[in-house]
Amino acid sequence: MATAQLERTTIAVKVATRDRIKHHVVAADTTVDAFLARLLDEHDEREFWRQMENTSPAEYEAAARQDGVWPGDYDYSQEAADV
């Protein structure tokens, strides 16, 4: 069996959903895989910023310290002064 075949799968979706995906894929002149990957990337970015909106400066600092990247090479003193 070819490697390319092993890297593919089938996802069961309603016909109407498949047709919507196909419409966007054709309009964007792309592939279903690229289209869905872009949608997932956009979703992940929205989720990241939603989580950031709900993170206090203290929580952010604690997480950055835990990750070993605090202090960073950035200065957020102005933002902290505005809070």
N, C-alpha and C. Protein backbone atom coordinates (compact mmCIF):
# COMPACT_ATOMS: atom_id res chain seq x y z
N MET A 1 0.85 -1.18 0.00
CA MET A 1 0.00 0.00 0.00
C MET A 1 0.89 1.24 0.00
N ALA A 2 0.56 2.21 -0.79
CA ALA A 2 1.36 3.42 -0.91
C ALA A 2 1.26 4.27 0.35
N THR A 3 2.34 4.99 0.66
CA THR A 3 2.38 5.84 1.85
C THR A 3 1.29 6.90 1.81
N ALA A 4 1.04 7.50 0.66
CA ALA A 4 0.04 8.55 0.54
C ALA A 4 -1.34 8.05 0.97
N GLN A 5 -1.64 6.82 0.68
CA GLN A 5 -2.93 6.26 1.07
C GLN A 5 -3.03 6.09 2.58
N LEU A 6 -1.92 5.82 3.24
CA LEU A 6 -1.93 5.64 4.68
C LEU A 6 -2.12 6.97 5.41
N GLU A 7 -1.85 8.07 4.77
CA GLU A 7 -1.95 9.38 5.41
C GLU A 7 -3.30 10.04 5.18
N ARG A 8 -4.25 9.33 4.64
CA ARG A 8 -5.57 9.89 4.37
C ARG A 8 -6.62 9.14 5.16
N THR A 9 -7.75 9.82 5.36
CA THR A 9 -8.87 9.20 6.06
C THR A 9 -10.17 9.74 5.49
N THR A 10 -11.24 9.16 5.89
CA THR A 10 -12.57 9.63 5.49
C THR A 10 -13.27 10.16 6.72
N ILE A 11 -13.93 11.29 6.58
CA ILE A 11 -14.69 11.88 7.67
C ILE A 11 -16.15 11.90 7.24
N ALA A 12 -17.01 11.35 8.06
CA ALA A 12 -18.44 11.32 7.75
C ALA A 12 -19.07 12.66 8.10
N VAL A 13 -19.59 13.33 7.09
CA VAL A 13 -20.30 14.59 7.29
C VAL A 13 -21.58 14.54 6.47
N LYS A 14 -22.52 15.40 6.83
CA LYS A 14 -23.75 15.47 6.05
C LYS A 14 -23.43 15.97 4.65
N VAL A 15 -24.26 15.57 3.70
CA VAL A 15 -24.07 15.97 2.31
C VAL A 15 -24.06 17.50 2.19
N ALA A 16 -24.94 18.17 2.94
CA ALA A 16 -25.00 19.63 2.88
C ALA A 16 -23.68 20.25 3.36
N THR A 17 -23.07 19.66 4.38
CA THR A 17 -21.79 20.17 4.88
C THR A 17 -20.70 19.94 3.84
N ARG A 18 -20.69 18.75 3.26
CA ARG A 18 -19.71 18.44 2.22
C ARG A 18 -19.84 19.42 1.07
N ASP A 19 -21.07 19.73 0.68
CA ASP A 19 -21.30 20.66 -0.43
C ASP A 19 -20.82 22.06 -0.09
N ARG A 20 -21.03 22.48 1.15
CA ARG A 20 -20.54 23.80 1.57
C ARG A 20 -19.02 23.86 1.51
N ILE A 21 -18.38 22.80 2.00
CA ILE A 21 -16.92 22.74 1.96
C ILE A 21 -16.45 22.80 0.51
N LYS A 22 -17.06 22.00 -0.34
CA LYS A 22 -16.67 21.97 -1.75
C LYS A 22 -16.82 23.35 -2.39
N HIS A 23 -17.91 24.04 -2.08
CA HIS A 23 -18.14 25.38 -2.63
C HIS A 23 -16.98 26.32 -2.25
N HIS A 24 -16.59 26.30 -0.98
CA HIS A 24 -15.50 27.18 -0.53
C HIS A 24 -14.15 26.76 -1.10
N VAL A 25 -13.95 25.48 -1.22
CA VAL A 25 -12.69 24.97 -1.78
C VAL A 25 -12.54 25.43 -3.23
N VAL A 26 -13.60 25.30 -4.00
CA VAL A 26 -13.56 25.72 -5.40
C VAL A 26 -13.35 27.23 -5.49
N ALA A 27 -14.08 27.98 -4.68
CA ALA A 27 -13.97 29.45 -4.72
C ALA A 27 -12.57 29.91 -4.34
N ALA A 28 -11.92 29.20 -3.41
CA ALA A 28 -10.58 29.58 -2.96
C ALA A 28 -9.48 28.93 -3.79
N ASP A 29 -9.87 28.08 -4.73
CA ASP A 29 -8.91 27.36 -5.58
C ASP A 29 -7.86 26.66 -4.72
N THR A 30 -8.35 25.83 -3.81
CA THR A 30 -7.46 25.12 -2.90
C THR A 30 -7.93 23.68 -2.77
N THR A 31 -7.38 22.97 -1.84
CA THR A 31 -7.80 21.58 -1.59
C THR A 31 -8.65 21.53 -0.32
N VAL A 32 -9.40 20.45 -0.17
CA VAL A 32 -10.18 20.27 1.05
C VAL A 32 -9.25 20.26 2.26
N ASP A 33 -8.14 19.57 2.15
CA ASP A 33 -7.19 19.49 3.26
C ASP A 33 -6.67 20.88 3.64
N ALA A 34 -6.26 21.66 2.66
CA ALA A 34 -5.74 23.00 2.95
C ALA A 34 -6.83 23.90 3.52
N PHE A 35 -8.05 23.79 2.98
CA PHE A 35 -9.16 24.59 3.47
C PHE A 35 -9.47 24.27 4.93
N LEU A 36 -9.58 22.98 5.25
CA LEU A 36 -9.89 22.58 6.62
C LEU A 36 -8.75 22.92 7.58
N ALA A 37 -7.51 22.78 7.12
CA ALA A 37 -6.36 23.15 7.96
C ALA A 37 -6.40 24.65 8.27
N ARG A 38 -6.75 25.46 7.28
CA ARG A 38 -6.84 26.91 7.50
C ARG A 38 -7.96 27.22 8.50
N LEU A 39 -9.11 26.57 8.36
CA LEU A 39 -10.21 26.77 9.31
C LEU A 39 -9.78 26.41 10.73
N LEU A 40 -9.07 25.30 10.86
CA LEU A 40 -8.61 24.89 12.19
C LEU A 40 -7.59 25.86 12.76
N ASP A 41 -6.69 26.35 11.91
CA ASP A 41 -5.71 27.35 12.36
C ASP A 41 -6.42 28.62 12.85
N GLU A 42 -7.42 29.07 12.09
CA GLU A 42 -8.17 30.26 12.47
C GLU A 42 -8.91 30.03 13.78
N HIS A 43 -9.49 28.85 13.94
CA HIS A 43 -10.19 28.51 15.18
C HIS A 43 -9.21 28.52 16.36
N ASP A 44 -8.05 27.88 16.17
CA ASP A 44 -7.06 27.83 17.24
C ASP A 44 -6.60 29.23 17.65
N GLU A 45 -6.42 30.10 16.67
CA GLU A 45 -5.99 31.47 16.99
C GLU A 45 -7.08 32.22 17.76
N ARG A 46 -8.35 32.08 17.33
CA ARG A 46 -9.45 32.72 18.07
C ARG A 46 -9.51 32.19 19.49
N GLU A 47 -9.34 30.89 19.66
CA GLU A 47 -9.38 30.29 20.99
C GLU A 47 -8.23 30.80 21.86
N PHE A 48 -7.05 30.92 21.27
CA PHE A 48 -5.90 31.45 22.01
C PHE A 48 -6.20 32.85 22.53
N TRP A 49 -6.70 33.72 21.64
CA TRP A 49 -6.97 35.10 22.07
C TRP A 49 -8.14 35.17 23.05
N ARG A 50 -9.12 34.27 22.93
CA ARG A 50 -10.20 34.22 23.90
C ARG A 50 -9.65 33.87 25.28
N GLN A 51 -8.75 32.91 25.31
CA GLN A 51 -8.14 32.53 26.58
C GLN A 51 -7.28 33.66 27.13
N MET A 52 -6.57 34.36 26.27
CA MET A 52 -5.74 35.47 26.71
C MET A 52 -6.59 36.58 27.32
N GLU A 53 -7.77 36.82 26.76
CA GLU A 53 -8.66 37.85 27.31
C GLU A 53 -9.09 37.50 28.74
N ASN A 54 -9.13 36.22 29.04
CA ASN A 54 -9.56 35.77 30.37
C ASN A 54 -8.39 35.50 31.31
N THR A 55 -7.18 35.90 30.91
CA THR A 55 -5.99 35.67 31.71
C THR A 55 -5.54 36.98 32.34
N SER A 56 -5.39 36.98 33.63
CA SER A 56 -4.93 38.19 34.32
C SER A 56 -3.42 38.34 34.12
N PRO A 57 -2.91 39.55 34.31
CA PRO A 57 -1.45 39.74 34.20
C PRO A 57 -0.68 38.82 35.16
N ALA A 58 -1.21 38.62 36.35
CA ALA A 58 -0.52 37.74 37.32
C ALA A 58 -0.52 36.29 36.83
N GLU A 59 -1.62 35.84 36.25
CA GLU A 59 -1.68 34.47 35.72
C GLU A 59 -0.72 34.32 34.55
N TYR A 60 -0.65 35.35 33.70
CA TYR A 60 0.25 35.31 32.55
C TYR A 60 1.71 35.22 33.03
N GLU A 61 2.04 36.07 34.00
CA GLU A 61 3.41 36.05 34.53
C GLU A 61 3.74 34.70 35.15
N ALA A 62 2.81 34.14 35.93
CA ALA A 62 3.05 32.84 36.56
C ALA A 62 3.28 31.75 35.51
N ALA A 63 2.49 31.77 34.45
CA ALA A 63 2.64 30.77 33.38
C ALA A 63 3.98 30.96 32.66
N ALA A 64 4.34 32.22 32.40
CA ALA A 64 5.62 32.50 31.73
C ALA A 64 6.79 32.07 32.61
N ARG A 65 6.70 32.32 33.91
CA ARG A 65 7.75 31.87 34.83
C ARG A 65 7.86 30.34 34.82
N GLN A 66 6.71 29.66 34.82
CA GLN A 66 6.71 28.21 34.79
C GLN A 66 7.34 27.68 33.50
N ASP A 67 7.10 28.40 32.39
CA ASP A 67 7.69 28.00 31.11
C ASP A 67 9.15 28.42 30.98
N GLY A 68 9.65 29.20 31.95
CA GLY A 68 11.04 29.62 31.92
C GLY A 68 11.32 30.77 30.98
N VAL A 69 10.30 31.55 30.64
CA VAL A 69 10.50 32.67 29.70
C VAL A 69 10.19 34.01 30.35
N TRP A 70 10.24 34.06 31.69
CA TRP A 70 10.00 35.32 32.38
C TRP A 70 11.25 35.70 33.13
N PRO A 71 11.76 36.90 33.09
CA PRO A 71 11.19 37.98 32.28
C PRO A 71 11.58 37.81 30.83
N GLY A 72 10.74 38.29 29.97
CA GLY A 72 11.01 38.21 28.53
C GLY A 72 11.77 39.44 28.09
N ASP A 73 11.94 39.57 26.79
CA ASP A 73 12.65 40.73 26.25
C ASP A 73 11.65 41.81 25.84
N TYR A 74 10.56 41.90 26.56
CA TYR A 74 9.51 42.86 26.26
C TYR A 74 9.18 43.63 27.54
N ASP A 75 8.60 44.77 27.36
CA ASP A 75 8.27 45.63 28.50
C ASP A 75 6.78 45.93 28.46
N TYR A 76 6.03 45.36 29.40
CA TYR A 76 4.59 45.58 29.47
C TYR A 76 4.21 46.56 30.58
N SER A 77 5.18 47.36 31.02
CA SER A 77 4.90 48.25 32.13
C SER A 77 3.78 49.24 31.81
N GLN A 78 3.70 49.69 30.59
CA GLN A 78 2.64 50.64 30.22
C GLN A 78 1.27 49.97 30.33
N GLU A 79 1.16 48.73 29.84
CA GLU A 79 -0.09 48.01 29.94
C GLU A 79 -0.49 47.79 31.40
N ALA A 80 0.50 47.45 32.24
CA ALA A 80 0.23 47.23 33.65
C ALA A 80 -0.22 48.52 34.32
N ALA A 81 0.32 49.66 33.89
CA ALA A 81 -0.06 50.95 34.45
C ALA A 81 -1.49 51.33 34.07
N ASP A 82 -1.94 50.83 32.90
CA ASP A 82 -3.28 51.16 32.41
C ASP A 82 -4.37 50.35 33.09
N VAL A 83 -3.99 49.27 33.80
CA VAL A 83 -4.99 48.36 34.38
C VAL A 83 -5.63 48.95 35.60
